[in-house]
Amino acid sequence: MVFLILQWNARSLIANGQEFKTYIYQLKEKPDVICIQETWLTTHLDFIIGGYTAIRQDRNDGQGGGCAIFIREVMSYSRLTFKNSHDLEIVGVEVWINKRKISVLNFYNPCNKLKIEELDSLCQGNEIIWCGDFNAHNTMWGGRSTDYNGQVVEDLMEAKEFVCLNNGQGTRLNFRDGTESAIDLTLVTSELASGSSWEVLANNSIGSDHLPIIIKFDISNVVELDGIMRWTFSKANWEMFAELCDKEFDQIDMAGSIHEINEQFTSNIIKSANQTIGNKTGKLSKCVKMVPWWNKECNDAIRNKIRLFGKLRKTHSLHNLLEYKKAQAQVRNIVKRAKRECWRGFCSSIGRTTPLDKVWGMVKKMRGIRQQSNLPVLENGGEPATGAMDGEGRNSS
């Protein structure tokens, strides 16, 4: 199994977010981690991708900017903290994969002058994956020339032994003249570079002027990514559960150690639950309709926009540019109209006898909110405990 990251400068999840969600749900291979730059989100705005947990760093003042990392629910992670990074737009997490702790950094530089000392201070851990829009040009990764920021990043790579996975493809399209630039970078420590692949998904910009990038690492994940086991409490036979627990508890040897008693106690509860409650494993389907208002017209508008985007990239002209911009505006208008009509239809169906939970359920569905289950990261003696504990309470991973 590979560890898969998608990175993308969204140029506003407010404008392009719903199309991006649909894009993710339709991918055959779902990313384990999604790194988004220029989210343009503010603290009072939610943005939810079903099956993922969001870690955000919104811009504190002014408009635009912002970074977000979305992590598959089944992955163990903890958020990184950065000292003296108040002027930098960065968010980071540590993920545990195959008994390895890997730092994933997501960075956006809004054309500011980079300082190698500041970038160096952000590097945490021995294995690092650093995604972002650095706004740095260098012939090393496909630029037509090397500018100041490009030289700073090159110096950082030499100092920290980073490898740039970029293959020279353009990652941003200038709609005015049709030129491309490579400013979205993926830097990794040398241990992670071997067995990795990097690809620009050039057929669809999803409304942005930047193209999404897929990075794959040949690392097996400890957790099977099909889903998380959940108890089906709605089908539970609680009377039988209580009877079985009483019967099993009577057989516990209370003369043993506290660890042995706890193990027997826990095992008996799970054994009784398996017989009387049952469980299921939730899966993130290949294409989930996460909002009730999404319809065929929305899909058709997006397909038309993708077609015109390919035409524009193939032959850049004022006519093709105007056609693409027109299709882009149509997508946003159609999505807004579909959302408005769905909500009006639901409101007209509400009566005095409509249960309140149905109303709130629809409100959550309109916002794309679904129940999520995350794997907690516990600490044992100040160290993250991401594997099973042995008899003495030590982390076996």
Protein backbone atom coordinates (compact mmCIF):
# COMPACT_ATOMS: atom_id res chain seq x y z
CA MET A 1 0.00 0.00 0.00
CA VAL A 2 1.24 3.48 -0.84
CA PHE A 3 0.99 6.65 1.22
CA LEU A 4 -0.70 9.20 -1.02
CA ILE A 5 -0.69 13.01 -0.70
CA LEU A 6 -2.57 15.52 -2.83
CA GLN A 7 -1.41 19.14 -2.77
CA TRP A 8 -3.13 22.09 -4.45
CA ASN A 9 -3.31 25.87 -4.30
CA ALA A 10 -7.09 26.37 -4.32
CA ARG A 11 -7.26 30.13 -4.82
CA SER A 12 -10.33 30.05 -2.52
CA LEU A 13 -12.15 27.04 -1.15
CA ILE A 14 -15.11 29.37 -0.79
CA ALA A 15 -15.39 29.63 -4.58
CA ASN A 16 -13.95 26.25 -5.64
CA GLY A 17 -14.62 24.09 -2.58
CA GLN A 18 -17.69 22.14 -3.67
CA GLU A 19 -16.15 21.28 -7.02
CA PHE A 20 -13.01 20.15 -5.18
CA LYS A 21 -15.05 17.87 -2.88
CA THR A 22 -16.65 16.24 -5.91
CA TYR A 23 -13.20 15.87 -7.46
CA ILE A 24 -11.93 14.05 -4.35
CA TYR A 25 -14.94 11.74 -4.10
CA GLN A 26 -14.53 10.69 -7.73
CA LEU A 27 -10.83 9.81 -7.42
CA LYS A 28 -10.22 6.06 -7.65
CA GLU A 29 -7.38 6.35 -5.14
CA LYS A 30 -8.29 8.56 -2.19
CA PRO A 31 -5.43 10.66 -0.78
CA ASP A 32 -4.36 9.87 2.77
CA VAL A 33 -3.43 13.53 3.29
CA ILE A 34 -4.58 16.63 1.37
CA CYS A 35 -2.54 19.84 1.59
CA ILE A 36 -4.35 23.00 0.45
CA GLN A 37 -2.84 26.47 0.14
CA GLU A 38 -4.76 29.73 -0.27
CA THR A 39 -7.90 28.41 1.35
CA TRP A 40 -9.25 31.95 1.88
CA LEU A 41 -11.17 30.61 4.88
CA THR A 42 -11.88 32.52 8.08
CA THR A 43 -12.49 31.18 11.57
CA HIS A 44 -16.29 31.45 11.28
CA LEU A 45 -16.41 29.42 8.03
CA ASP A 46 -16.49 25.62 8.11
CA PHE A 47 -15.11 23.48 5.31
CA ILE A 48 -15.66 19.74 5.63
CA ILE A 49 -14.56 16.87 3.40
CA GLY A 50 -16.34 13.65 4.30
CA GLY A 51 -13.98 11.02 5.69
CA TYR A 52 -11.28 13.57 6.58
CA THR A 53 -10.29 15.64 9.60
CA ALA A 54 -9.30 19.26 8.94
CA ILE A 55 -6.26 20.97 10.49
CA ARG A 56 -6.34 24.64 9.51
CA GLN A 57 -4.21 27.75 9.79
CA ASP A 58 -6.38 30.65 8.63
CA ARG A 59 -4.92 34.06 7.88
CA ASN A 60 -5.26 36.23 10.99
CA ASP A 61 -5.59 39.57 9.24
CA GLY A 62 -6.57 40.60 5.75
CA GLN A 63 -8.14 38.51 3.02
CA GLY A 64 -6.96 35.42 1.16
CA GLY A 65 -4.12 33.14 2.20
CA GLY A 66 -4.47 30.32 4.68
CA CYS A 67 -3.41 26.66 4.72
CA ALA A 68 -5.26 23.46 5.59
CA ILE A 69 -4.36 19.79 5.92
CA PHE A 70 -7.08 17.16 5.59
CA ILE A 71 -6.22 13.74 7.06
CA ARG A 72 -8.06 10.47 6.49
CA GLU A 73 -10.06 9.59 9.60
CA VAL A 74 -8.32 6.25 10.03
CA MET A 75 -4.84 7.76 10.36
CA SER A 76 -3.09 8.49 13.66
CA TYR A 77 -1.67 12.00 13.81
CA SER A 78 -0.86 14.96 16.03
CA ARG A 79 -0.59 18.63 15.14
CA LEU A 80 2.82 20.28 15.04
CA THR A 81 3.50 23.62 16.71
CA PHE A 82 5.97 26.10 15.26
CA LYS A 83 7.85 28.68 17.33
CA ASN A 84 8.42 32.18 15.96
CA SER A 85 6.32 31.50 12.86
CA HIS A 86 3.74 34.26 13.36
CA ASP A 87 4.51 35.85 9.98
CA LEU A 88 4.50 32.55 8.08
CA GLU A 89 1.49 30.69 6.72
CA ILE A 90 2.18 27.08 7.62
CA VAL A 91 0.41 24.13 9.21
CA GLY A 92 1.94 20.76 10.00
CA VAL A 93 1.13 17.32 11.38
CA GLU A 94 3.00 14.20 12.42
CA VAL A 95 1.53 10.97 11.06
CA TRP A 96 2.45 7.43 12.09
CA ILE A 97 2.89 5.04 9.18
CA ASN A 98 4.36 1.56 9.44
CA LYS A 99 5.98 2.42 12.79
CA ARG A 100 7.55 5.54 11.26
CA LYS A 101 6.85 9.09 12.38
CA ILE A 102 6.65 11.41 9.38
CA SER A 103 6.18 15.18 9.49
CA VAL A 104 3.94 16.67 6.79
CA LEU A 105 4.27 20.44 6.34
CA ASN A 106 1.93 22.59 4.25
CA PHE A 107 3.26 26.06 3.41
CA TYR A 108 2.13 29.14 1.50
CA ASN A 109 4.38 32.08 0.72
CA PRO A 110 2.43 35.10 -0.65
CA CYS A 111 5.40 36.39 -2.71
CA ASN A 112 7.32 37.46 0.40
CA LYS A 113 11.11 37.31 0.63
CA LEU A 114 12.05 33.96 2.12
CA LYS A 115 14.63 33.66 4.90
CA ILE A 116 16.57 30.43 5.24
CA GLU A 117 16.73 30.80 9.04
CA GLU A 118 12.92 30.88 9.29
CA LEU A 119 12.49 27.94 6.94
CA ASP A 120 15.13 25.94 8.80
CA SER A 121 13.31 26.49 12.11
CA LEU A 122 10.17 24.85 10.68
CA CYS A 123 11.88 21.51 10.04
CA GLN A 124 10.84 19.04 12.74
CA GLY A 125 11.64 15.33 12.77
CA ASN A 126 13.94 13.09 10.78
CA GLU A 127 11.50 12.33 7.97
CA ILE A 128 9.75 15.31 6.41
CA ILE A 129 7.38 15.88 3.51
CA TRP A 130 7.09 19.61 2.77
CA CYS A 131 4.37 20.66 0.31
CA GLY A 132 3.50 24.19 -0.66
CA ASP A 133 3.37 27.19 -2.93
CA PHE A 134 6.78 28.72 -2.25
CA ASN A 135 6.53 31.36 -4.99
CA ALA A 136 10.15 30.50 -5.73
CA HIS A 137 11.61 30.09 -9.23
CA ASN A 138 14.63 27.91 -9.95
CA THR A 139 15.87 26.12 -13.05
CA MET A 140 16.42 23.10 -10.81
CA TRP A 141 12.66 22.37 -10.73
CA GLY A 142 11.56 23.73 -14.09
CA GLY A 143 11.81 27.51 -13.83
CA ARG A 144 13.07 29.61 -16.72
CA SER A 145 15.42 31.40 -14.31
CA THR A 146 16.46 31.39 -10.66
CA ASP A 147 15.24 34.23 -8.44
CA TYR A 148 16.10 35.14 -4.85
CA ASN A 149 13.49 32.85 -3.28
CA GLY A 150 14.53 30.02 -5.55
CA GLN A 151 18.11 30.33 -4.35
CA VAL A 152 16.98 30.36 -0.69
CA VAL A 153 15.02 27.14 -1.19
CA GLU A 154 18.01 25.57 -2.98
CA ASP A 155 20.27 26.53 -0.06
CA LEU A 156 17.76 25.01 2.37
CA MET A 157 17.71 21.78 0.37
CA GLU A 158 21.50 21.56 0.55
CA ALA A 159 21.61 22.33 4.28
CA LYS A 160 18.82 19.89 5.27
CA GLU A 161 19.54 17.27 2.57
CA PHE A 162 16.10 17.69 1.02
CA VAL A 163 15.17 16.28 -2.38
CA CYS A 164 12.80 18.22 -4.65
CA LEU A 165 10.38 15.75 -6.26
CA ASN A 166 9.24 18.18 -8.98
CA ASN A 167 9.90 16.85 -12.48
CA GLY A 168 9.94 20.17 -14.35
CA GLN A 169 6.22 20.30 -15.19
CA GLY A 170 4.41 23.59 -14.73
CA THR A 171 2.09 23.78 -11.73
CA ARG A 172 0.51 27.20 -12.35
CA LEU A 173 -1.06 28.50 -15.56
CA ASN A 174 -1.00 32.21 -16.39
CA PHE A 175 -4.36 32.68 -18.12
CA ARG A 176 -3.27 35.98 -19.68
CA ASP A 177 -0.47 34.64 -21.85
CA GLY A 178 -0.75 30.85 -21.50
CA THR A 179 2.67 30.40 -19.88
CA GLU A 180 3.27 27.95 -17.05
CA SER A 181 5.50 28.21 -13.98
CA ALA A 182 6.70 25.68 -11.40
CA ILE A 183 6.19 27.31 -8.00
CA ASP A 184 4.30 24.53 -6.17
CA LEU A 185 7.04 22.37 -4.69
CA THR A 186 7.33 19.08 -2.84
CA LEU A 187 10.49 18.72 -0.74
CA VAL A 188 11.26 15.48 1.11
CA THR A 189 14.11 14.10 3.16
CA SER A 190 16.36 11.71 1.28
CA GLU A 191 14.98 8.58 3.00
CA LEU A 192 11.53 9.26 1.54
CA ALA A 193 12.68 10.21 -1.96
CA SER A 194 13.39 6.66 -3.09
CA GLY A 195 10.24 4.81 -4.04
CA SER A 196 8.26 8.04 -4.49
CA SER A 197 6.43 9.39 -7.53
CA TRP A 198 5.25 12.93 -8.32
CA GLU A 199 2.63 13.89 -10.92
CA VAL A 200 0.80 17.05 -11.96
CA LEU A 201 -2.87 16.31 -12.73
CA ALA A 202 -2.97 18.60 -15.73
CA ASN A 203 -6.47 17.87 -17.03
CA ASN A 204 -8.36 19.96 -14.45
CA SER A 205 -7.43 23.02 -12.38
CA ILE A 206 -10.72 22.77 -10.40
CA GLY A 207 -11.34 26.49 -10.79
CA SER A 208 -7.90 27.65 -9.65
CA ASP A 209 -4.94 28.81 -11.73
CA HIS A 210 -2.86 26.11 -10.01
CA LEU A 211 -2.97 22.41 -10.89
CA PRO A 212 -3.38 19.63 -8.31
CA ILE A 213 -0.38 17.39 -7.64
CA ILE A 214 -0.37 13.74 -6.52
CA ILE A 215 2.62 12.35 -4.62
CA LYS A 216 2.94 8.66 -3.79
CA PHE A 217 5.31 7.06 -1.29
CA ASP A 218 5.94 3.33 -1.09
CA ILE A 219 5.14 3.01 2.61
CA SER A 220 2.73 0.45 4.04
CA ASN A 221 0.24 1.83 6.52
CA VAL A 222 -0.28 -0.01 9.80
CA VAL A 223 -4.01 0.81 9.71
CA GLU A 224 -6.12 -0.67 6.94
CA LEU A 225 -7.64 2.34 5.22
CA ASP A 226 -10.96 0.72 4.35
CA GLY A 227 -12.62 2.16 7.44
CA ILE A 228 -13.08 2.17 11.20
CA MET A 229 -15.00 -0.54 13.06
CA ARG A 230 -18.11 0.79 14.79
CA TRP A 231 -20.58 -0.92 17.12
CA THR A 232 -24.17 -1.10 15.83
CA PHE A 233 -25.82 -0.03 19.09
CA SER A 234 -29.24 0.30 17.43
CA LYS A 235 -29.36 -3.51 17.06
CA ALA A 236 -28.00 -4.31 20.53
CA ASN A 237 -29.62 -6.86 22.85
CA TRP A 238 -28.73 -5.17 26.13
CA GLU A 239 -30.38 -7.76 28.41
CA MET A 240 -28.35 -10.59 26.89
CA PHE A 241 -25.24 -8.38 26.94
CA ALA A 242 -25.66 -7.83 30.70
CA GLU A 243 -26.22 -11.55 31.32
CA LEU A 244 -23.13 -12.57 29.34
CA CYS A 245 -20.99 -9.93 31.07
CA ASP A 246 -22.08 -11.16 34.52
CA LYS A 247 -21.30 -14.73 33.52
CA GLU A 248 -17.87 -13.83 32.12
CA PHE A 249 -16.95 -11.57 35.05
CA ASP A 250 -17.58 -14.39 37.53
CA GLN A 251 -14.74 -16.31 35.89
CA ILE A 252 -12.13 -13.57 36.27
CA ASP A 253 -9.19 -14.57 38.48
CA MET A 254 -8.93 -11.66 40.94
CA ALA A 255 -5.65 -13.03 42.31
CA GLY A 256 -3.75 -11.97 39.22
CA SER A 257 -1.93 -8.68 38.57
CA ILE A 258 -3.84 -5.50 37.75
CA HIS A 259 -2.74 -5.82 34.11
CA GLU A 260 -4.02 -9.41 33.87
CA ILE A 261 -7.35 -8.50 35.48
CA ASN A 262 -7.76 -5.53 33.16
CA GLU A 263 -6.99 -7.68 30.11
CA GLN A 264 -9.56 -10.31 31.15
CA PHE A 265 -12.13 -7.63 31.96
CA THR A 266 -11.71 -5.91 28.58
CA SER A 267 -11.65 -9.20 26.66
CA ASN A 268 -14.90 -10.33 28.31
CA ILE A 269 -16.69 -7.08 27.46
CA ILE A 270 -15.64 -7.28 23.81
CA LYS A 271 -16.55 -10.97 23.62
CA SER A 272 -20.02 -10.26 25.02
CA ALA A 273 -20.47 -7.26 22.72
CA ASN A 274 -19.57 -9.29 19.62
CA GLN A 275 -22.33 -11.77 20.46
CA THR A 276 -25.06 -9.27 21.36
CA ILE A 277 -24.30 -5.96 19.62
CA GLY A 278 -22.40 -6.64 16.41
CA ASN A 279 -20.28 -4.21 14.45
CA LYS A 280 -19.70 -2.80 11.01
CA THR A 281 -16.80 -1.22 9.16
CA GLY A 282 -17.54 2.12 7.57
CA LYS A 283 -16.05 2.80 4.15
CA LEU A 284 -15.53 5.97 2.16
CA SER A 285 -17.18 5.08 -1.13
CA LYS A 286 -15.64 5.91 -4.47
CA CYS A 287 -18.25 8.57 -5.22
CA VAL A 288 -20.37 9.85 -2.36
CA LYS A 289 -23.09 12.41 -2.79
CA MET A 290 -22.16 14.40 0.30
CA VAL A 291 -24.76 17.16 -0.18
CA PRO A 292 -28.42 16.61 -1.15
CA TRP A 293 -28.52 19.45 -3.66
CA TRP A 294 -25.80 18.17 -6.02
CA ASN A 295 -27.41 17.12 -9.31
CA LYS A 296 -26.73 16.15 -12.92
CA GLU A 297 -26.67 19.80 -14.03
CA CYS A 298 -23.77 20.45 -11.63
CA ASN A 299 -21.84 17.47 -13.03
CA ASP A 300 -22.50 18.50 -16.64
CA ALA A 301 -21.33 22.07 -15.98
CA ILE A 302 -18.07 20.82 -14.45
CA ARG A 303 -17.43 18.41 -17.33
CA ASN A 304 -17.92 21.26 -19.79
CA LYS A 305 -15.50 23.46 -17.84
CA ILE A 306 -12.87 20.69 -17.78
CA ARG A 307 -13.25 20.25 -21.55
CA LEU A 308 -12.75 23.97 -22.16
CA PHE A 309 -9.77 24.04 -19.78
CA GLY A 310 -8.07 21.34 -21.86
CA LYS A 311 -8.83 23.29 -25.02
CA LEU A 312 -7.33 26.45 -23.48
CA ARG A 313 -4.13 24.66 -22.45
CA LYS A 314 -3.78 23.16 -25.92
CA THR A 315 -4.41 26.41 -27.80
CA HIS A 316 -4.18 29.61 -25.79
CA SER A 317 -6.25 32.39 -27.35
CA LEU A 318 -8.53 35.17 -26.18
CA HIS A 319 -11.57 33.29 -27.48
CA ASN A 320 -10.68 30.08 -25.61
CA LEU A 321 -9.88 32.05 -22.46
CA LEU A 322 -13.26 33.82 -22.53
CA GLU A 323 -15.06 30.52 -23.15
CA TYR A 324 -13.30 28.94 -20.16
CA LYS A 325 -14.01 31.91 -17.88
CA LYS A 326 -17.66 31.83 -18.96
CA ALA A 327 -17.89 28.11 -18.13
CA GLN A 328 -16.19 28.73 -14.78
CA ALA A 329 -18.81 31.36 -13.90
CA GLN A 330 -21.59 29.02 -15.02
CA VAL A 331 -20.39 26.31 -12.64
CA ARG A 332 -20.56 28.68 -9.69
CA ASN A 333 -24.00 30.00 -10.67
CA ILE A 334 -25.43 26.51 -11.22
CA VAL A 335 -24.08 25.29 -7.87
CA LYS A 336 -25.56 28.30 -6.05
CA ARG A 337 -28.92 27.85 -7.77
CA ALA A 338 -29.04 24.10 -7.00
CA LYS A 339 -28.26 24.77 -3.35
CA ARG A 340 -30.91 27.51 -3.12
CA GLU A 341 -33.65 25.48 -4.84
CA CYS A 342 -32.97 22.39 -2.70
CA TRP A 343 -33.19 24.44 0.49
CA ARG A 344 -36.40 26.18 -0.60
CA GLY A 345 -37.95 22.83 -1.47
CA PHE A 346 -37.10 21.43 1.95
CA CYS A 347 -38.39 24.53 3.76
CA SER A 348 -41.71 24.29 1.92
CA SER A 349 -42.09 20.69 3.14
CA ILE A 350 -41.64 21.60 6.80
CA GLY A 351 -44.83 21.61 8.86
CA ARG A 352 -45.83 21.94 12.49
CA THR A 353 -45.40 18.20 12.98
CA THR A 354 -41.94 17.98 11.38
CA PRO A 355 -39.49 16.55 13.97
CA LEU A 356 -36.75 18.97 15.00
CA ASP A 357 -34.04 16.35 14.47
CA LYS A 358 -35.09 16.06 10.81
CA VAL A 359 -34.68 19.82 10.37
CA TRP A 360 -31.24 19.86 11.99
CA GLY A 361 -30.26 16.76 10.03
CA MET A 362 -31.05 18.54 6.77
CA VAL A 363 -29.13 21.63 7.87
CA LYS A 364 -26.06 19.46 8.47
CA LYS A 365 -26.48 17.66 5.13
CA MET A 366 -26.69 20.98 3.29
CA ARG A 367 -23.33 21.89 4.81
CA GLY A 368 -21.83 18.50 3.95
CA ILE A 369 -21.44 17.47 7.59
CA ARG A 370 -21.32 13.74 8.28
CA GLN A 371 -20.49 11.85 11.44
CA GLN A 372 -16.74 11.39 11.72
CA SER A 373 -14.64 9.04 13.81
CA ASN A 374 -10.98 9.80 14.43
CA LEU A 375 -8.26 7.57 15.81
CA PRO A 376 -6.93 9.21 18.99
CA VAL A 377 -3.21 9.50 19.63
CA LEU A 378 -2.55 8.65 23.27
CA GLU A 379 0.60 9.41 25.20
CA ASN A 380 2.51 6.99 27.39
CA GLY A 381 5.27 8.52 29.48
CA GLY A 382 5.26 11.64 27.34
CA GLU A 383 5.71 9.64 24.12
CA PRO A 384 2.98 9.06 21.50
CA ALA A 385 1.49 5.57 21.83
CA THR A 386 0.32 4.54 18.39
CA GLY A 387 0.56 0.77 18.74
CA ALA A 388 -0.65 -1.85 21.18
CA MET A 389 0.58 -1.76 24.77
CA ASP A 390 2.43 -4.67 26.26
CA GLY A 391 1.76 -6.13 29.70
CA GLU A 392 3.80 -3.45 31.45
CA GLY A 393 2.12 -0.55 29.62
CA ARG A 394 4.92 0.00 27.12
CA ASN A 395 4.24 1.06 23.57
CA SER A 396 4.96 -1.97 21.38
CA SER A 397 5.13 0.00 18.14
